Amino acid sequence: MLRFDNVSKSFNKRKVLDGMSRNFPTGLYALHGSNGIGKSTLLAILAGILAPDSGAIDIDGCSLLGSPEAAKAKLSFVPDDCPVYPFMRGRELLQFVAQAKRVTVTQKVEDLIDQFGMRHYLDTRFGQMSLGTQKKMMLAAAWIGEPSVLLLDEPSNGLDGATRDVLIARLRDMGRNAVVLMSTHDADFATAVGAEVIAFASLQGAGTPVGAAT
């Protein structure tokens, strides 16, 4: 489902990622490592937000670098911060994501909006939302198009207990048919989701599938 080989990235001559490789089959995975080690950078590269200096990335059989539109249609990414324009309304975000993926907003997404208690925020501008509300809207948008790969950077940050429980249940369900790869310092959240914890340093290797014998 998700494969990347020899991914490297430097900023101002400082190498942040050096030959990162791995093959993730269907399931839930949580990256573990100290702050500043490069987890967010890797997720942004896998999502097509940042360009790697070298390497190859496949999203459910589509090359992210060779066929970015097809690959991005099969993935969703929720960063820790909210990069949405402050004047964009919640409903406009959902429509924008659906149009980019050439799909519609399904009942499953509408149900998640309701479970998150977000219905009355659909016509609110992001600049008028709290950070937690922005995060919930971004998370709901991530289910549009039923992605094969879901990338999450600190997904539990800023969430209330009820929303956290809904997200845990949704992620456990998604992990049956998709790859969910997250970076989180919330060990309790990773455990509740049932994610396999992956040491970030172990990604500097030969692309061995997670769970395979070495």
Protein backbone atom coordinates (compact mmCIF):
# COMPACT_ATOMS: atom_id res chain seq x y z
CA MET A 1 0.00 0.00 0.00
CA LEU A 2 2.75 2.50 0.98
CA ARG A 3 6.34 2.09 -0.15
CA PHE A 4 9.25 4.50 -0.15
CA ASP A 5 12.88 3.85 -1.06
CA ASN A 6 16.03 5.86 -0.35
CA VAL A 7 14.19 9.07 0.56
CA SER A 8 16.59 11.85 1.58
CA LYS A 9 16.08 15.52 2.41
CA SER A 10 18.37 18.35 3.48
CA PHE A 11 17.65 21.90 4.60
CA ASN A 12 20.44 24.48 4.34
CA LYS A 13 23.01 21.69 3.93
CA ARG A 14 21.71 19.92 7.07
CA LYS A 15 20.59 16.38 6.21
CA VAL A 16 17.29 15.63 7.94
CA LEU A 17 16.45 12.36 6.16
CA ASP A 18 19.13 10.02 4.87
CA GLY A 19 18.06 7.06 2.74
CA MET A 20 14.76 6.28 4.47
CA SER A 21 13.07 3.14 3.10
CA ARG A 22 10.17 0.91 4.10
CA ASN A 23 7.17 -0.98 2.76
CA PHE A 24 4.00 -0.63 4.84
CA PRO A 25 1.20 -3.11 4.15
CA THR A 26 -2.38 -2.56 5.31
CA GLY A 27 -2.52 -1.67 9.01
CA LEU A 28 -1.93 1.01 11.65
CA TYR A 29 1.55 2.30 12.48
CA ALA A 30 2.90 4.94 14.86
CA LEU A 31 6.33 6.47 14.31
CA HIS A 32 8.38 6.84 17.49
CA GLY A 33 11.30 9.19 17.88
CA SER A 34 12.48 12.38 19.56
CA ASN A 35 11.42 15.87 18.53
CA GLY A 36 13.29 17.25 15.53
CA ILE A 37 14.33 13.84 14.23
CA GLY A 38 12.44 14.29 10.94
CA LYS A 39 9.08 12.56 11.43
CA SER A 40 7.01 15.54 10.27
CA THR A 41 9.34 16.10 7.33
CA LEU A 42 8.96 12.49 6.20
CA LEU A 43 5.16 12.64 6.44
CA ALA A 44 5.08 15.87 4.44
CA ILE A 45 7.25 14.27 1.74
CA LEU A 46 5.08 11.14 1.63
CA ALA A 47 2.04 13.40 1.25
CA GLY A 48 3.59 15.30 -1.65
CA ILE A 49 3.80 18.58 0.28
CA LEU A 50 7.61 18.62 0.26
CA ALA A 51 9.81 17.31 -2.55
CA PRO A 52 12.55 14.87 -1.54
CA ASP A 53 16.14 15.40 -2.67
CA SER A 54 16.15 11.76 -3.80
CA GLY A 55 14.09 8.61 -3.55
CA ALA A 56 10.91 6.96 -4.81
CA ILE A 57 7.43 6.87 -3.23
CA ASP A 58 4.52 4.62 -4.22
CA ILE A 59 0.98 5.15 -2.95
CA ASP A 60 -1.11 2.03 -3.60
CA GLY A 61 0.81 1.29 -6.79
CA CYS A 62 1.03 4.90 -8.04
CA SER A 63 4.31 6.80 -8.13
CA LEU A 64 3.97 10.02 -6.14
CA LEU A 65 6.78 11.63 -8.11
CA GLY A 66 5.85 10.22 -11.52
CA SER A 67 2.04 10.47 -11.31
CA PRO A 68 1.36 12.88 -8.45
CA GLU A 69 -2.30 13.53 -9.25
CA ALA A 70 -3.19 9.82 -9.29
CA ALA A 71 -1.16 9.13 -6.15
CA LYS A 72 -2.58 12.06 -4.18
CA ALA A 73 -6.10 10.94 -5.04
CA LYS A 74 -5.36 7.78 -3.00
CA LEU A 75 -3.98 9.49 0.10
CA SER A 76 -4.96 11.95 2.79
CA PHE A 77 -2.70 13.98 5.07
CA VAL A 78 -3.54 15.83 8.27
CA PRO A 79 -0.62 17.94 9.55
CA ASP A 80 -0.26 19.01 13.18
CA ASP A 81 -0.96 22.63 12.27
CA CYS A 82 -3.77 23.94 10.04
CA PRO A 83 -2.54 25.25 6.67
CA VAL A 84 -6.03 26.21 5.43
CA TYR A 85 -6.65 29.82 4.40
CA PRO A 86 -8.33 31.64 7.32
CA PHE A 87 -11.18 32.94 5.13
CA MET A 88 -12.11 29.44 3.87
CA ARG A 89 -15.25 27.98 5.43
CA GLY A 90 -15.56 24.40 6.65
CA ARG A 91 -17.93 23.42 3.87
CA GLU A 92 -15.59 24.93 1.29
CA LEU A 93 -12.71 22.80 2.57
CA LEU A 94 -14.75 19.63 2.13
CA GLN A 95 -15.78 20.67 -1.38
CA PHE A 96 -12.20 21.59 -2.29
CA VAL A 97 -10.84 18.22 -1.18
CA ALA A 98 -13.63 16.33 -2.96
CA GLN A 99 -13.04 18.24 -6.20
CA ALA A 100 -9.28 17.65 -6.01
CA LYS A 101 -9.91 13.90 -5.68
CA ARG A 102 -12.76 13.95 -8.20
CA VAL A 103 -15.18 12.36 -5.75
CA THR A 104 -18.18 13.45 -3.69
CA VAL A 105 -18.56 13.98 0.04
CA THR A 106 -20.14 10.69 1.10
CA GLN A 107 -22.52 9.92 3.95
CA LYS A 108 -19.61 8.39 5.86
CA VAL A 109 -17.93 11.82 5.93
CA GLU A 110 -21.22 13.54 6.81
CA ASP A 111 -21.66 11.10 9.70
CA LEU A 112 -18.15 11.89 10.95
CA ILE A 113 -18.96 15.62 10.84
CA ASP A 114 -21.93 14.92 13.10
CA GLN A 115 -19.96 12.62 15.41
CA PHE A 116 -17.36 15.36 15.82
CA GLY A 117 -20.14 17.87 16.55
CA MET A 118 -19.05 20.01 13.59
CA ARG A 119 -22.31 20.52 11.69
CA HIS A 120 -22.77 24.12 12.85
CA TYR A 121 -19.16 24.98 11.89
CA LEU A 122 -19.57 24.13 8.20
CA ASP A 123 -20.32 27.77 7.38
CA THR A 124 -17.70 29.21 9.77
CA ARG A 125 -14.40 30.60 8.49
CA PHE A 126 -11.29 28.78 9.69
CA GLY A 127 -9.94 32.04 11.10
CA GLN A 128 -12.90 32.09 13.50
CA MET A 129 -12.45 28.49 14.66
CA SER A 130 -10.43 27.31 17.65
CA LEU A 131 -7.37 25.19 16.89
CA GLY A 132 -9.21 22.08 18.10
CA THR A 133 -12.16 22.81 15.83
CA GLN A 134 -9.84 23.36 12.87
CA LYS A 135 -8.19 20.01 13.60
CA LYS A 136 -11.52 18.21 13.68
CA MET A 137 -12.52 19.71 10.33
CA MET A 138 -9.20 18.65 8.79
CA LEU A 139 -9.64 15.14 10.19
CA ALA A 140 -13.15 14.85 8.78
CA ALA A 141 -11.88 15.96 5.35
CA ALA A 142 -9.25 13.19 5.50
CA TRP A 143 -11.98 10.55 5.00
CA ILE A 144 -13.06 12.04 1.67
CA GLY A 145 -12.33 9.62 -1.17
CA GLU A 146 -11.75 6.67 1.20
CA PRO A 147 -7.95 6.93 0.92
CA SER A 148 -5.69 3.90 0.68
CA VAL A 149 -3.07 5.73 2.73
CA LEU A 150 -3.79 8.10 5.64
CA LEU A 151 -0.90 10.15 7.05
CA LEU A 152 -1.38 11.88 10.41
CA ASP A 153 0.98 14.20 12.30
CA GLU A 154 0.09 14.28 16.03
CA PRO A 155 -3.59 13.51 15.34
CA SER A 156 -4.74 13.64 18.99
CA ASN A 157 -3.36 17.12 19.69
CA GLY A 158 -6.06 19.57 20.76
CA LEU A 159 -8.90 17.03 20.75
CA ASP A 160 -11.49 16.66 23.51
CA GLY A 161 -12.17 13.24 25.00
CA ALA A 162 -15.33 12.53 22.99
CA THR A 163 -13.69 13.43 19.67
CA ARG A 164 -10.65 11.38 20.59
CA ASP A 165 -12.84 8.31 21.17
CA VAL A 166 -14.60 8.78 17.81
CA LEU A 167 -11.25 9.14 16.04
CA ILE A 168 -9.85 6.02 17.68
CA ALA A 169 -12.83 3.96 16.51
CA ARG A 170 -12.63 5.37 12.97
CA LEU A 171 -8.90 4.71 12.70
CA ARG A 172 -9.23 1.14 13.95
CA ASP A 173 -11.86 0.55 11.27
CA MET A 174 -9.78 2.19 8.53
CA GLY A 175 -6.72 0.13 9.41
CA ARG A 176 -8.48 -3.01 8.18
CA ASN A 177 -8.32 -1.87 4.55
CA ALA A 178 -5.78 0.96 4.39
CA VAL A 179 -2.41 2.09 5.69
CA VAL A 180 -2.60 4.55 8.57
CA LEU A 181 0.82 6.02 9.38
CA MET A 182 0.99 8.54 12.19
CA SER A 183 3.55 10.44 14.19
CA THR A 184 2.48 10.82 17.81
CA HIS A 185 3.95 11.38 21.24
CA ASP A 186 0.65 10.21 22.75
CA ALA A 187 1.44 6.63 23.73
CA ASP A 188 -2.04 6.05 25.14
CA PHE A 189 -3.60 7.12 21.84
CA ALA A 190 -1.33 4.82 19.82
CA THR A 191 -2.17 1.93 22.14
CA ALA A 192 -5.92 2.61 21.98
CA VAL A 193 -5.79 2.68 18.18
CA GLY A 194 -3.87 -0.60 18.16
CA ALA A 195 -0.99 0.82 16.14
CA GLU A 196 2.30 -1.00 15.70
CA VAL A 197 5.02 1.30 17.05
CA ILE A 198 7.87 1.80 14.58
CA ALA A 199 11.20 3.30 15.64
CA PHE A 200 11.88 6.15 13.24
CA ALA A 201 15.56 5.20 13.05
CA SER A 202 14.60 1.76 11.71
CA LEU A 203 13.35 3.36 8.49
CA GLN A 204 16.94 3.91 7.43
CA GLY A 205 17.17 0.54 5.78
CA ALA A 206 16.41 -1.56 2.75
CA GLY A 207 12.64 -1.23 2.56
CA THR A 208 11.84 -4.46 4.39
CA PRO A 209 8.06 -4.81 4.91
CA VAL A 210 6.96 -4.10 8.47
CA GLY A 211 6.38 -7.38 10.29
CA ALA A 212 8.50 -9.38 7.83
CA ALA A 213 11.37 -11.57 8.95
CA THR A 214 14.82 -10.03 8.55
